[in-house]
N, C-alpha and C. Protein backbone atom coordinates (compact mmCIF):
# COMPACT_ATOMS: atom_id res chain seq x y z
N MET A 1 -21.66 -19.22 12.10
CA MET A 1 -21.86 -18.86 10.65
C MET A 1 -20.75 -19.70 9.50
N GLY A 2 -20.98 -20.10 8.46
CA GLY A 2 -19.61 -20.91 7.72
C GLY A 2 -19.00 -19.68 6.64
N VAL A 3 -18.26 -19.74 6.67
CA VAL A 3 -17.06 -19.04 5.89
C VAL A 3 -17.20 -19.53 4.15
N ALA A 4 -17.70 -18.32 3.41
CA ALA A 4 -17.62 -18.35 1.73
C ALA A 4 -16.71 -19.38 1.75
N VAL A 5 -17.03 -20.29 0.23
CA VAL A 5 -15.96 -20.98 -0.46
C VAL A 5 -15.50 -19.88 -1.34
N ALA A 6 -14.02 -19.92 -1.18
CA ALA A 6 -13.48 -18.93 -2.05
C ALA A 6 -13.31 -19.13 -3.19
N ARG A 7 -13.49 -17.84 -4.19
CA ARG A 7 -13.06 -18.09 -5.69
C ARG A 7 -12.03 -17.96 -6.68
N ARG A 8 -11.88 -18.83 -7.38
CA ARG A 8 -10.35 -18.76 -8.16
C ARG A 8 -10.61 -16.98 -8.83
N CYS A 9 -9.36 -16.28 -8.31
CA CYS A 9 -8.97 -14.97 -8.96
C CYS A 9 -7.93 -15.34 -10.19
N GLU A 10 -8.36 -14.72 -11.17
CA GLU A 10 -7.82 -14.69 -12.12
C GLU A 10 -5.93 -13.68 -11.81
N PRO A 11 -4.99 -14.24 -13.07
CA PRO A 11 -4.04 -13.78 -12.20
C PRO A 11 -3.44 -12.52 -12.79
N ASP A 12 -4.38 -12.04 -13.85
CA ASP A 12 -4.30 -10.91 -14.53
C ASP A 12 -4.92 -9.82 -13.95
N LEU A 13 -5.67 -10.01 -12.63
CA LEU A 13 -6.63 -9.11 -12.13
C LEU A 13 -5.59 -8.10 -11.15
N THR A 14 -5.53 -6.62 -11.23
CA THR A 14 -5.00 -6.04 -10.18
C THR A 14 -5.88 -6.06 -9.04
N PHE A 15 -7.49 -6.24 -8.95
CA PHE A 15 -8.01 -6.13 -7.79
C PHE A 15 -9.03 -6.44 -8.26
N SER A 16 -10.26 -7.47 -6.96
CA SER A 16 -11.47 -7.76 -7.29
C SER A 16 -12.00 -7.32 -5.87
N ALA A 17 -12.76 -6.79 -5.65
CA ALA A 17 -13.72 -6.11 -4.85
C ALA A 17 -14.81 -7.45 -4.04
N ASP A 18 -14.49 -8.43 -4.38
CA ASP A 18 -15.66 -9.23 -3.81
C ASP A 18 -14.41 -10.82 -3.70
N CYS A 19 -13.45 -10.55 -3.61
CA CYS A 19 -12.58 -11.38 -3.03
C CYS A 19 -12.83 -12.23 -2.16
N LEU A 20 -12.47 -13.31 -1.73
CA LEU A 20 -12.66 -14.44 -0.94
C LEU A 20 -11.79 -15.24 -0.56
N LEU A 21 -10.70 -14.85 -1.24
CA LEU A 21 -9.51 -16.38 -1.43
C LEU A 21 -8.78 -16.73 0.29
N CYS A 22 -8.75 -15.44 0.83
CA CYS A 22 -8.60 -15.69 2.50
C CYS A 22 -9.54 -15.62 3.12
N PRO A 23 -9.99 -17.30 3.33
CA PRO A 23 -11.22 -17.33 4.46
C PRO A 23 -11.21 -16.55 5.75
N ARG A 24 -9.96 -16.55 6.47
CA ARG A 24 -9.86 -16.11 7.92
C ARG A 24 -10.12 -14.43 7.67
N LEU A 25 -9.95 -13.63 6.50
CA LEU A 25 -9.75 -12.41 6.27
C LEU A 25 -11.62 -12.10 5.74
N SER A 26 -11.94 -12.75 5.17
CA SER A 26 -13.47 -12.89 4.72
C SER A 26 -14.29 -12.99 5.69
N ALA A 27 -14.10 -13.98 7.07
CA ALA A 27 -14.85 -13.79 7.62
C ALA A 27 -14.67 -12.64 8.85
N HIS A 28 -13.69 -12.50 9.03
CA HIS A 28 -13.08 -11.20 9.72
C HIS A 28 -14.18 -9.74 9.53
N LEU A 29 -14.12 -9.85 8.27
CA LEU A 29 -14.73 -8.61 7.30
C LEU A 29 -16.27 -8.38 7.56
N ALA A 30 -16.59 -9.74 7.77
CA ALA A 30 -18.25 -10.31 7.65
C ALA A 30 -18.38 -9.66 9.28
N ASP A 31 -17.12 -10.36 10.07
CA ASP A 31 -17.79 -9.69 11.67
C ASP A 31 -17.99 -8.08 11.36
N VAL A 32 -17.15 -7.34 11.06
CA VAL A 32 -16.83 -6.20 11.00
C VAL A 32 -18.19 -5.24 10.55
N ARG A 33 -18.45 -5.99 9.39
CA ARG A 33 -20.04 -5.57 8.28
C ARG A 33 -20.94 -5.32 9.60
N ARG A 34 -20.85 -6.78 10.37
CA ARG A 34 -22.07 -6.76 11.42
C ARG A 34 -22.17 -5.47 12.47
N THR A 35 -20.86 -5.24 13.09
CA THR A 35 -20.61 -4.27 14.34
C THR A 35 -20.09 -2.84 13.51
N HIS A 36 -19.80 -2.66 12.63
CA HIS A 36 -20.08 -1.61 11.95
C HIS A 36 -20.47 -1.27 10.33
N PRO A 37 -21.82 -1.15 10.78
CA PRO A 37 -22.45 -1.24 9.34
C PRO A 37 -22.54 -0.01 8.39
N ASN A 38 -21.73 0.91 8.89
CA ASN A 38 -21.59 1.74 7.65
C ASN A 38 -20.10 2.02 7.60
N TYR A 39 -19.24 1.56 7.79
CA TYR A 39 -17.80 0.99 7.21
C TYR A 39 -17.21 0.32 6.20
N HIS A 40 -16.84 0.45 5.35
CA HIS A 40 -16.75 -0.08 3.80
C HIS A 40 -16.68 -1.61 4.14
N ALA A 41 -15.58 -1.97 4.96
CA ALA A 41 -15.36 -3.55 5.45
C ALA A 41 -15.34 -4.58 4.32
N CYS A 42 -14.71 -4.18 3.25
CA CYS A 42 -14.52 -4.95 2.02
C CYS A 42 -13.04 -4.87 1.57
N PRO A 43 -12.58 -5.79 0.63
CA PRO A 43 -11.20 -5.51 -0.10
C PRO A 43 -10.94 -4.34 -0.59
N VAL A 44 -9.90 -3.45 -0.11
CA VAL A 44 -9.81 -1.69 -0.41
C VAL A 44 -9.17 -1.28 -1.57
N PRO A 45 -9.35 -0.93 -2.82
CA PRO A 45 -8.64 -0.81 -4.00
C PRO A 45 -7.84 -0.21 -3.93
N PRO A 46 -6.96 -0.15 -5.11
CA PRO A 46 -5.58 1.02 -4.80
C PRO A 46 -6.13 2.34 -5.16
N PHE A 47 -5.43 3.82 -4.92
CA PHE A 47 -5.82 4.59 -5.37
C PHE A 47 -4.95 5.48 -5.94
N GLY A 48 -5.60 6.17 -6.84
CA GLY A 48 -4.40 7.48 -7.64
C GLY A 48 -4.22 7.02 -9.11
N ASP A 49 -3.45 7.40 -9.57
CA ASP A 49 -2.62 7.44 -10.89
C ASP A 49 -2.75 5.98 -11.06
N PRO A 50 -3.64 5.89 -12.64
CA PRO A 50 -3.33 4.52 -13.59
C PRO A 50 -2.42 4.03 -13.57
N HIS A 51 -1.47 5.13 -13.75
CA HIS A 51 0.42 4.66 -14.77
C HIS A 51 0.89 5.51 -13.69
N PRO A 52 1.32 5.52 -12.85
CA PRO A 52 2.24 6.09 -11.60
C PRO A 52 3.69 6.01 -12.23
N GLY A 53 4.11 7.12 -12.05
CA GLY A 53 5.46 6.94 -11.91
C GLY A 53 6.06 6.36 -10.56
N LEU A 54 5.04 7.06 -9.31
CA LEU A 54 5.56 5.89 -8.18
C LEU A 54 4.37 5.69 -7.57
N LEU A 55 5.08 3.89 -6.91
CA LEU A 55 3.50 3.34 -6.38
C LEU A 55 4.21 3.15 -5.36
N ILE A 56 3.11 3.02 -4.27
CA ILE A 56 3.57 3.50 -2.85
C ILE A 56 2.68 2.16 -2.66
N VAL A 57 3.82 1.18 -1.55
CA VAL A 57 2.88 -0.21 -1.21
C VAL A 57 2.84 0.16 0.48
N GLY A 58 1.68 -0.34 0.77
CA GLY A 58 1.56 -0.26 2.54
C GLY A 58 1.08 -1.78 2.84
N LEU A 59 1.46 -1.59 4.26
CA LEU A 59 0.86 -3.32 4.67
C LEU A 59 -0.46 -3.52 4.48
N ALA A 60 -1.60 -3.12 5.05
CA ALA A 60 -3.02 -3.35 5.41
C ALA A 60 -4.08 -2.20 5.64
N PRO A 61 -5.31 -2.35 5.21
CA PRO A 61 -6.02 -1.44 5.59
C PRO A 61 -5.82 -0.91 6.81
N GLY A 62 -6.50 -0.07 7.65
CA GLY A 62 -6.31 -0.33 8.94
C GLY A 62 -7.53 -0.20 9.46
N MET A 63 -7.96 -0.83 10.56
CA MET A 63 -9.66 -0.78 11.45
C MET A 63 -10.34 0.78 10.84
N HIS A 64 -9.75 1.59 11.40
CA HIS A 64 -10.59 2.84 11.28
C HIS A 64 -10.32 3.66 10.07
N GLY A 65 -9.28 3.33 9.43
CA GLY A 65 -8.65 4.14 7.77
C GLY A 65 -9.42 3.93 7.16
N ALA A 66 -8.75 3.13 6.41
CA ALA A 66 -8.74 2.74 5.12
C ALA A 66 -10.45 1.78 5.32
N ASN A 67 -10.21 0.63 6.42
CA ASN A 67 -11.43 -0.33 5.96
C ASN A 67 -12.36 0.74 6.68
N ARG A 68 -12.57 1.47 6.98
CA ARG A 68 -13.95 2.55 7.22
C ARG A 68 -14.09 3.22 6.05
N THR A 69 -13.00 4.16 5.35
CA THR A 69 -13.45 5.04 4.12
C THR A 69 -13.46 4.38 2.76
N GLY A 70 -12.79 3.11 2.77
CA GLY A 70 -12.64 2.29 1.27
C GLY A 70 -11.67 2.98 0.72
N ARG A 71 -11.14 3.87 1.09
CA ARG A 71 -9.39 4.52 0.51
C ARG A 71 -8.23 4.08 1.32
N PRO A 72 -7.15 3.72 0.44
CA PRO A 72 -5.89 3.69 1.52
C PRO A 72 -5.35 5.28 1.99
N PHE A 73 -5.34 4.38 3.34
CA PHE A 73 -4.38 5.53 4.33
C PHE A 73 -5.63 6.44 4.33
N THR A 74 -7.01 6.79 4.67
CA THR A 74 -7.49 7.74 4.42
C THR A 74 -8.53 7.60 5.80
N GLY A 75 -8.30 8.57 6.49
CA GLY A 75 -9.38 8.98 7.63
C GLY A 75 -8.43 8.22 8.58
N ASP A 76 -7.35 8.16 8.78
CA ASP A 76 -6.74 7.51 10.38
C ASP A 76 -5.15 8.17 10.40
N HIS A 77 -4.65 7.60 11.43
CA HIS A 77 -3.25 8.70 11.97
C HIS A 77 -2.05 8.60 10.70
N ALA A 78 -2.44 7.24 10.27
CA ALA A 78 -0.88 6.44 9.44
C ALA A 78 -1.16 7.56 7.80
N GLY A 79 -2.19 8.32 7.59
CA GLY A 79 -2.56 8.86 6.66
C GLY A 79 -2.20 10.28 6.70
N ILE A 80 -2.14 10.95 7.93
CA ILE A 80 -1.77 12.37 7.85
C ILE A 80 -0.03 12.54 7.29
N LEU A 81 0.89 11.96 7.78
CA LEU A 81 2.03 12.30 7.14
C LEU A 81 2.24 11.51 5.80
N LEU A 82 1.38 10.98 5.00
CA LEU A 82 1.93 10.33 4.10
C LEU A 82 1.06 11.32 3.20
N TYR A 83 0.13 11.72 3.11
CA TYR A 83 -0.86 12.51 2.62
C TYR A 83 0.02 13.69 2.19
N ASP A 84 0.41 14.32 3.75
CA ASP A 84 0.89 16.11 3.58
C ASP A 84 2.64 15.36 2.60
N THR A 85 3.47 14.82 3.13
CA THR A 85 4.11 14.33 1.95
C THR A 85 4.10 14.63 0.79
N LEU A 86 3.28 13.83 0.60
CA LEU A 86 2.90 13.75 -1.16
C LEU A 86 2.27 15.11 -1.40
N HIS A 87 1.85 16.01 -0.77
CA HIS A 87 1.59 17.13 -1.19
C HIS A 87 2.47 18.06 -1.28
N ARG A 88 3.38 17.94 -0.25
CA ARG A 88 4.63 18.82 0.10
C ARG A 88 5.31 18.33 -1.71
N PHE A 89 5.64 17.26 -2.32
CA PHE A 89 6.77 16.65 -3.33
C PHE A 89 5.49 16.55 -4.37
N GLY A 90 4.39 17.38 -4.49
CA GLY A 90 4.24 17.53 -5.74
C GLY A 90 2.97 16.28 -6.17
N PHE A 91 2.72 15.44 -5.19
CA PHE A 91 2.32 13.97 -5.89
C PHE A 91 0.45 14.10 -5.38
N GLY A 92 0.35 15.01 -4.63
CA GLY A 92 -0.42 15.01 -4.39
C GLY A 92 -1.99 16.48 -4.46
N SER A 93 -3.00 17.00 -5.00
CA SER A 93 -3.82 17.86 -4.51
C SER A 93 -3.72 18.36 -3.55
N GLN A 94 -3.79 17.93 -2.45
CA GLN A 94 -4.17 18.40 -1.21
C GLN A 94 -3.40 17.86 0.25
N ALA A 95 -2.68 18.03 1.14
CA ALA A 95 -2.33 17.90 2.06
C ALA A 95 -3.08 16.89 3.31
N GLU A 96 -4.20 16.97 3.20
CA GLU A 96 -4.85 15.78 3.87
C GLU A 96 -6.13 15.25 3.31
N ALA A 97 -6.59 13.81 3.63
CA ALA A 97 -7.10 12.53 3.32
C ALA A 97 -8.10 12.38 4.13
N LEU A 98 -9.63 12.63 4.18
CA LEU A 98 -10.36 12.59 4.87
C LEU A 98 -11.44 11.21 4.58
N ALA A 99 -11.83 11.74 3.26
CA ALA A 99 -12.84 11.01 3.05
C ALA A 99 -12.55 11.17 1.72
N PRO A 100 -13.40 9.54 0.89
CA PRO A 100 -12.99 9.42 -0.96
C PRO A 100 -13.63 10.63 -1.40
N ASP A 101 -14.69 11.23 -0.91
CA ASP A 101 -15.19 12.50 -1.71
C ASP A 101 -14.56 14.03 -1.17
N ASP A 102 -13.49 13.68 -0.68
CA ASP A 102 -12.60 15.00 -0.27
C ASP A 102 -12.10 15.64 -1.77
N GLY A 103 -12.12 15.03 -2.75
CA GLY A 103 -11.64 15.59 -3.63
C GLY A 103 -9.95 15.58 -4.09
N LEU A 104 -9.94 15.18 -3.39
CA LEU A 104 -8.03 14.31 -3.39
C LEU A 104 -7.73 13.82 -4.54
N VAL A 105 -6.82 14.67 -5.32
CA VAL A 105 -6.50 13.82 -6.60
C VAL A 105 -4.67 13.68 -6.32
N LEU A 106 -4.57 12.12 -6.82
CA LEU A 106 -2.63 11.62 -6.65
C LEU A 106 -2.42 12.36 -8.52
N LYS A 107 -0.98 12.75 -8.14
CA LYS A 107 -0.50 13.09 -9.57
C LYS A 107 1.15 12.38 -9.77
N GLY A 108 0.64 10.97 -10.59
CA GLY A 108 1.81 10.37 -10.89
C GLY A 108 1.95 9.40 -9.96
N CYS A 109 1.08 9.23 -8.89
CA CYS A 109 1.38 8.26 -7.69
C CYS A 109 0.26 7.54 -7.53
N ARG A 110 0.38 6.14 -7.35
CA ARG A 110 -0.59 5.29 -7.00
C ARG A 110 -0.68 4.69 -5.14
N ILE A 111 -1.09 4.17 -4.74
CA ILE A 111 -1.39 3.95 -3.41
C ILE A 111 -2.00 2.35 -3.57
N THR A 112 -1.63 1.54 -2.81
CA THR A 112 -1.83 0.10 -2.89
C THR A 112 -1.48 -0.34 -1.96
N ASN A 113 -2.02 -1.35 -1.11
CA ASN A 113 -1.44 -2.43 0.08
C ASN A 113 -1.26 -3.39 -0.25
N ALA A 114 -0.24 -4.62 0.34
CA ALA A 114 0.38 -5.80 0.36
C ALA A 114 -1.03 -7.27 0.55
N VAL A 115 -1.89 -6.63 1.47
CA VAL A 115 -2.53 -7.05 1.62
C VAL A 115 -4.27 -6.20 1.52
N LYS A 116 -5.09 -6.36 0.57
CA LYS A 116 -6.28 -5.55 0.67
C LYS A 116 -7.69 -5.60 1.81
N CYS A 117 -7.02 -6.67 2.48
CA CYS A 117 -8.15 -6.41 3.36
C CYS A 117 -7.70 -6.50 5.06
N LEU A 118 -8.67 -5.74 5.97
CA LEU A 118 -8.32 -5.90 6.96
C LEU A 118 -7.92 -7.35 8.03
N PRO A 119 -6.90 -7.40 8.27
CA PRO A 119 -6.63 -8.37 9.03
C PRO A 119 -6.95 -8.00 10.33
N PRO A 120 -7.27 -9.57 11.05
CA PRO A 120 -7.65 -8.91 12.64
C PRO A 120 -6.27 -8.84 13.59
N ALA A 121 -6.38 -7.76 14.36
CA ALA A 121 -5.20 -7.07 15.14
C ALA A 121 -4.03 -6.58 14.31
N ASN A 122 -4.40 -5.99 13.01
CA ASN A 122 -3.79 -5.16 12.14
C ASN A 122 -2.54 -6.54 11.76
N LYS A 123 -2.33 -7.63 11.58
CA LYS A 123 -1.47 -8.85 11.29
C LYS A 123 -1.66 -9.91 10.51
N PRO A 124 -1.39 -9.53 9.36
CA PRO A 124 -1.89 -10.80 8.38
C PRO A 124 -1.05 -12.11 8.36
N LEU A 125 -1.98 -12.92 8.48
CA LEU A 125 -1.01 -14.19 8.11
C LEU A 125 0.11 -14.42 6.81
N PRO A 126 1.14 -15.32 7.22
CA PRO A 126 1.86 -15.22 5.77
C PRO A 126 1.29 -15.79 5.28
N VAL A 127 0.25 -16.88 4.94
CA VAL A 127 -0.30 -17.47 4.10
C VAL A 127 -1.06 -16.55 2.97
N GLU A 128 -1.56 -14.83 3.92
CA GLU A 128 -2.69 -14.45 3.48
C GLU A 128 -2.01 -13.13 2.61
N ILE A 129 -0.73 -13.03 3.32
CA ILE A 129 0.58 -12.23 2.10
C ILE A 129 0.56 -12.73 0.92
N LYS A 130 1.04 -13.91 0.88
CA LYS A 130 1.28 -14.63 -0.08
C LYS A 130 0.12 -15.06 -1.28
N THR A 131 -1.02 -15.16 -0.52
CA THR A 131 -2.45 -15.27 -1.60
C THR A 131 -2.39 -13.46 -2.61
N CYS A 132 -2.94 -12.81 -1.38
CA CYS A 132 -2.92 -11.44 -1.76
C CYS A 132 -2.17 -10.91 -2.95
N ASN A 133 -0.80 -11.71 -3.10
CA ASN A 133 0.46 -11.07 -4.07
C ASN A 133 0.06 -11.38 -5.39
N VAL A 134 -0.68 -11.71 -6.01
CA VAL A 134 -1.40 -12.12 -7.08
C VAL A 134 -1.91 -10.69 -7.70
N TYR A 135 -2.61 -10.17 -6.65
CA TYR A 135 -2.86 -8.55 -7.01
C TYR A 135 -1.60 -7.53 -7.19
N LEU A 136 -0.88 -7.70 -6.11
CA LEU A 136 0.70 -6.65 -6.26
C LEU A 136 1.20 -7.32 -7.75
N ARG A 137 1.04 -8.40 -7.57
CA ARG A 137 1.83 -8.75 -8.83
C ARG A 137 1.59 -8.24 -10.34
N ALA A 138 0.38 -8.53 -10.45
CA ALA A 138 -0.09 -7.53 -11.55
C ALA A 138 -0.07 -6.14 -11.86
N GLU A 139 -0.49 -5.40 -10.36
CA GLU A 139 0.32 -3.80 -10.33
C GLU A 139 1.54 -3.60 -10.49
N LEU A 140 2.39 -4.65 -10.83
CA LEU A 140 4.07 -4.20 -10.99
C LEU A 140 4.27 -4.96 -12.47
N ARG A 141 3.23 -4.97 -12.67
CA ARG A 141 3.67 -6.19 -13.98
C ARG A 141 3.97 -4.65 -15.46
N ASP A 142 4.14 -5.28 -16.53
CA ASP A 142 4.74 -4.54 -17.68
C ASP A 142 3.30 -3.32 -18.29
N PRO A 143 3.52 -1.85 -18.15
CA PRO A 143 4.81 -1.46 -17.93
C PRO A 143 5.09 -1.11 -15.93
N ALA A 144 5.97 -1.55 -16.00
CA ALA A 144 5.81 -1.32 -14.05
C ALA A 144 6.20 -0.17 -13.96
N PRO A 145 5.83 0.75 -12.63
CA PRO A 145 6.40 1.89 -12.56
C PRO A 145 7.73 1.91 -12.46
N PRO A 146 7.92 3.48 -12.73
CA PRO A 146 9.92 3.39 -12.40
C PRO A 146 10.06 3.23 -10.89
N ALA A 147 9.26 3.79 -9.91
CA ALA A 147 9.65 3.87 -8.86
C ALA A 147 8.77 2.92 -7.50
N VAL A 148 9.32 2.37 -6.69
CA VAL A 148 8.14 1.72 -5.40
C VAL A 148 8.55 2.02 -4.35
N LEU A 149 7.95 2.35 -3.62
CA LEU A 149 8.21 2.70 -2.23
C LEU A 149 7.62 2.29 -1.33
N ALA A 150 8.11 1.20 -0.39
CA ALA A 150 7.94 -0.37 0.22
C ALA A 150 7.63 0.62 1.90
N LEU A 151 6.53 0.55 2.60
CA LEU A 151 6.35 1.25 3.59
C LEU A 151 6.17 -0.01 4.55
N GLY A 152 7.60 -0.28 5.40
CA GLY A 152 7.65 -1.14 5.88
C GLY A 152 8.27 -3.02 5.36
N THR A 153 8.69 -3.82 6.43
CA THR A 153 9.93 -4.86 6.03
C THR A 153 8.52 -5.80 5.14
N VAL A 154 7.48 -5.93 5.32
CA VAL A 154 6.21 -6.67 4.62
C VAL A 154 6.00 -6.41 3.21
N ALA A 155 5.53 -5.05 3.19
CA ALA A 155 5.30 -4.40 1.89
C ALA A 155 6.99 -4.50 1.30
N HIS A 156 8.23 -4.52 1.58
CA HIS A 156 8.90 -4.35 0.59
C HIS A 156 9.53 -6.06 0.74
N GLN A 157 9.02 -7.12 1.33
CA GLN A 157 9.23 -8.62 0.77
C GLN A 157 7.85 -8.92 -0.15
N ALA A 158 6.84 -8.04 0.09
CA ALA A 158 5.91 -8.67 -1.06
C ALA A 158 6.31 -7.93 -2.31
N VAL A 159 6.38 -7.27 -2.54
CA VAL A 159 7.29 -5.92 -3.85
C VAL A 159 8.22 -7.50 -4.29
N LEU A 160 9.00 -7.69 -3.64
CA LEU A 160 10.16 -8.77 -4.08
C LEU A 160 9.53 -10.06 -4.28
N ARG A 161 8.43 -10.47 -3.84
CA ARG A 161 8.08 -11.98 -4.28
C ARG A 161 7.14 -11.68 -5.69
N ALA A 162 6.58 -10.43 -5.64
CA ALA A 162 5.52 -10.02 -6.78
C ALA A 162 6.30 -9.92 -8.25
N LEU A 163 7.88 -9.37 -7.90
CA LEU A 163 8.37 -9.40 -8.90
C LEU A 163 9.49 -10.87 -8.84
N ASP A 164 9.36 -11.49 -8.32
CA ASP A 164 10.32 -13.29 -8.58
C ASP A 164 11.61 -12.69 -8.17
N ARG A 165 11.87 -11.80 -6.84
CA ARG A 165 13.32 -11.47 -6.80
C ARG A 165 13.19 -12.05 -5.01
N LYS A 166 14.88 -12.72 -4.98
CA LYS A 166 14.88 -13.55 -3.59
C LYS A 166 14.94 -12.54 -2.49
N VAL A 167 13.99 -12.49 -1.67
CA VAL A 167 14.11 -11.37 -0.31
C VAL A 167 15.44 -11.54 0.06
N ALA A 168 16.19 -12.80 0.38
CA ALA A 168 17.65 -11.99 0.82
C ALA A 168 18.65 -11.47 0.12
N GLU A 169 18.22 -11.32 -1.07
CA GLU A 169 19.33 -10.40 -2.02
C GLU A 169 19.43 -9.37 -1.47
N PHE A 170 17.75 -8.34 -1.20
CA PHE A 170 17.74 -6.66 -1.15
C PHE A 170 17.03 -6.87 0.74
N PRO A 171 18.11 -6.80 1.29
CA PRO A 171 17.20 -6.77 2.65
C PRO A 171 16.97 -5.64 2.97
N PHE A 172 15.65 -5.10 3.64
CA PHE A 172 14.96 -4.11 4.14
C PHE A 172 15.93 -2.97 4.71
N ALA A 173 15.40 -1.89 4.70
CA ALA A 173 16.65 -0.78 5.31
C ALA A 173 16.01 0.51 5.69
N HIS A 174 15.48 0.94 6.60
CA HIS A 174 14.87 3.04 6.23
C HIS A 174 16.18 3.34 5.19
N GLY A 175 15.38 3.77 4.70
CA GLY A 175 16.44 4.62 3.44
C GLY A 175 16.96 3.98 2.09
N ALA A 176 16.96 2.60 2.13
CA ALA A 176 17.62 1.78 1.20
C ALA A 176 17.24 1.82 -0.04
N VAL A 177 18.09 2.03 -1.10
CA VAL A 177 17.46 1.84 -2.29
C VAL A 177 17.91 0.74 -3.03
N HIS A 178 17.02 0.01 -3.95
CA HIS A 178 17.49 -1.16 -4.67
C HIS A 178 16.87 -1.16 -6.34
N ASP A 179 18.02 -1.21 -6.71
CA ASP A 179 17.67 -1.26 -8.21
C ASP A 179 16.99 -2.75 -8.60
N ILE A 180 15.58 -3.17 -8.60
CA ILE A 180 15.42 -4.45 -8.92
C ILE A 180 15.35 -4.64 -9.95
N GLN A 181 15.23 -4.13 -11.05
CA GLN A 181 15.53 -4.60 -12.74
C GLN A 181 15.47 -3.37 -13.64
N SER A 182 15.91 -3.49 -14.73
CA SER A 182 15.94 -2.41 -15.16
C SER A 182 14.80 -1.46 -15.35
N GLY A 183 14.83 -0.26 -14.63
CA GLY A 183 14.04 0.64 -15.32
C GLY A 183 12.92 0.68 -13.88
N LEU A 184 13.13 -0.29 -12.85
CA LEU A 184 12.46 -0.07 -11.70
C LEU A 184 13.37 -0.36 -10.63
N ARG A 185 13.35 0.92 -9.68
CA ARG A 185 13.90 0.97 -8.37
C ARG A 185 13.09 1.32 -6.93
N LEU A 186 13.26 0.20 -6.13
CA LEU A 186 12.65 0.06 -5.09
C LEU A 186 13.22 0.99 -3.83
N PHE A 187 12.48 1.90 -3.24
CA PHE A 187 12.66 2.71 -2.33
C PHE A 187 12.11 1.81 -0.55
N ASP A 188 13.21 2.16 0.15
CA ASP A 188 12.46 1.40 1.29
C ASP A 188 12.20 2.73 2.64
N SER A 189 11.48 2.54 3.46
CA SER A 189 10.69 3.07 4.18
C SER A 189 10.04 2.81 5.40
N TYR A 190 10.49 3.20 6.57
CA TYR A 190 9.69 2.61 7.84
C TYR A 190 8.26 2.64 7.79
N HIS A 191 7.33 2.02 7.72
CA HIS A 191 5.58 2.45 8.03
C HIS A 191 5.35 3.83 8.79
N CYS A 192 4.55 4.56 8.11
CA CYS A 192 4.62 5.62 8.77
C CYS A 192 3.21 5.88 9.78
N SER A 193 2.89 4.30 10.47
CA SER A 193 1.78 4.33 11.36
C SER A 193 2.33 5.09 12.73
N ARG A 194 1.29 5.10 13.46
CA ARG A 194 1.12 5.58 14.63
C ARG A 194 2.21 5.77 15.41
N TYR A 195 2.35 4.38 15.70
CA TYR A 195 3.46 3.76 16.70
C TYR A 195 4.95 4.53 16.02
N ASN A 196 5.28 4.47 14.67
CA ASN A 196 6.47 4.78 14.19
C ASN A 196 6.60 6.65 14.73
N THR A 197 5.25 6.85 14.19
CA THR A 197 5.83 8.31 14.21
C THR A 197 5.94 9.07 15.70
N GLN A 198 4.89 8.46 16.52
CA GLN A 198 4.80 9.12 17.70
C GLN A 198 5.99 8.46 18.37
N THR A 199 6.66 7.54 18.51
CA THR A 199 7.77 7.25 19.09
C THR A 199 9.22 7.82 18.16
N ARG A 200 9.12 8.49 17.26
CA ARG A 200 10.06 9.29 16.28
C ARG A 200 11.06 7.97 15.81
N ARG A 201 10.63 6.99 15.50
CA ARG A 201 11.30 5.90 15.08
C ARG A 201 11.22 6.64 13.58
N LEU A 202 10.35 7.10 12.93
CA LEU A 202 10.20 7.83 12.12
C LEU A 202 9.73 9.20 12.12
N THR A 203 10.58 10.34 11.68
CA THR A 203 10.14 11.62 11.62
C THR A 203 9.68 12.12 10.36
N PRO A 204 8.85 13.23 10.85
CA PRO A 204 8.81 14.08 9.58
C PRO A 204 10.21 14.00 8.30
N GLU A 205 11.10 14.56 8.95
CA GLU A 205 11.98 14.84 8.22
C GLU A 205 12.96 13.06 7.83
N MET A 206 12.64 12.27 8.31
CA MET A 206 13.39 10.92 7.65
C MET A 206 12.15 10.65 6.27
N PHE A 207 10.97 11.50 6.78
CA PHE A 207 9.95 10.72 5.70
C PHE A 207 10.33 11.56 4.18
N HIS A 208 10.40 12.69 4.80
CA HIS A 208 10.64 13.87 3.63
C HIS A 208 11.91 13.34 2.60
N GLY A 209 12.91 13.35 3.56
CA GLY A 209 14.06 12.71 2.89
C GLY A 209 13.82 11.08 1.91
N ILE A 210 13.01 10.69 2.53
CA ILE A 210 12.95 9.30 1.11
C ILE A 210 12.54 9.99 -0.25
N PHE A 211 11.04 10.82 0.35
CA PHE A 211 10.45 11.46 -1.04
C PHE A 211 11.49 12.45 -1.66
N ALA A 212 12.56 13.31 -0.97
CA ALA A 212 13.76 14.08 -1.92
C ALA A 212 14.34 13.20 -2.85
N GLY A 213 14.47 11.52 -2.42
CA GLY A 213 15.16 10.69 -3.37
C GLY A 213 14.50 10.31 -4.76
N ILE A 214 13.15 9.84 -4.47
CA ILE A 214 12.07 9.70 -4.75
C ILE A 214 12.32 10.50 -6.13
N ARG A 215 11.76 11.74 -5.59
CA ARG A 215 11.51 13.06 -6.63
C ARG A 215 12.77 13.45 -7.22
N GLN A 216 13.75 13.16 -6.83
CA GLN A 216 15.40 13.44 -7.49
C GLN A 216 15.20 12.19 -8.74
N TYR A 217 15.12 11.02 -8.28
CA TYR A 217 15.13 10.05 -9.44
C TYR A 217 14.47 10.12 -10.60
N LEU A 218 12.99 10.43 -9.98
CA LEU A 218 11.72 10.98 -11.25
C LEU A 218 11.82 11.80 -11.86
N ASP A 219 12.51 12.68 -11.55
CA ASP A 219 12.63 13.86 -12.48
C ASP A 219 13.92 13.80 -13.36
N GLY A 220 14.82 13.14 -12.60
CA GLY A 220 15.99 12.91 -13.69
C GLY A 220 15.44 11.82 -14.54
N ARG A 221 14.77 11.20 -14.70
CA ARG A 221 14.35 10.22 -15.46
C ARG A 221 13.59 10.95 -17.12
N ASP A 222 12.83 12.03 -16.49
CA ASP A 222 12.46 12.96 -17.13
C ASP A 222 13.09 13.74 -18.27
N LYS A 223 14.26 13.76 -17.60
CA LYS A 223 15.34 14.83 -18.55
C LYS A 223 15.54 14.17 -20.04
């Protein structure tokens, strides 16, 4: 079966549910829709406050999480620590994210991904990350959120590219904080993936420490 021809997306769009800019990803999603007809298996939209104080940027939807449910970090292991932490620090109305109709509301927070479509083997190609950056760029446009949390190196670099900053000038490190431009601070954390949490590369205490710094920063701006 042939791959649909990519359509040109306008640069001011924050999300396109029928985006076909990346042929490999579009073909992969078509295969997933055939094998898992009850899955969302389409580009996954951002979720949360449309005008957030904190924008969280992940890598890409997980096969049996966001790709299944249609909501970032919902229904998979990676969301367990994330949503519990968001609730703990006052960003989420509840500590679990199971399905889009579970009543969860994010307050002052929005979650998106550097790549909006499920990639094969959970590994997007550099060209796909670059192509999808048009959407992240729009999400970071004026008014930019004062705080951005990058979950992992790919998300970190995608944020910098979307803001037209040189990646080499702002190296990724867990716990690193970067003042990217006036009024926008980038926080770095290891991704809350199953591998990182089960190997304790990322512990709950480490993750909570990142959010404590974000909360302190945002609360200080409000005074």
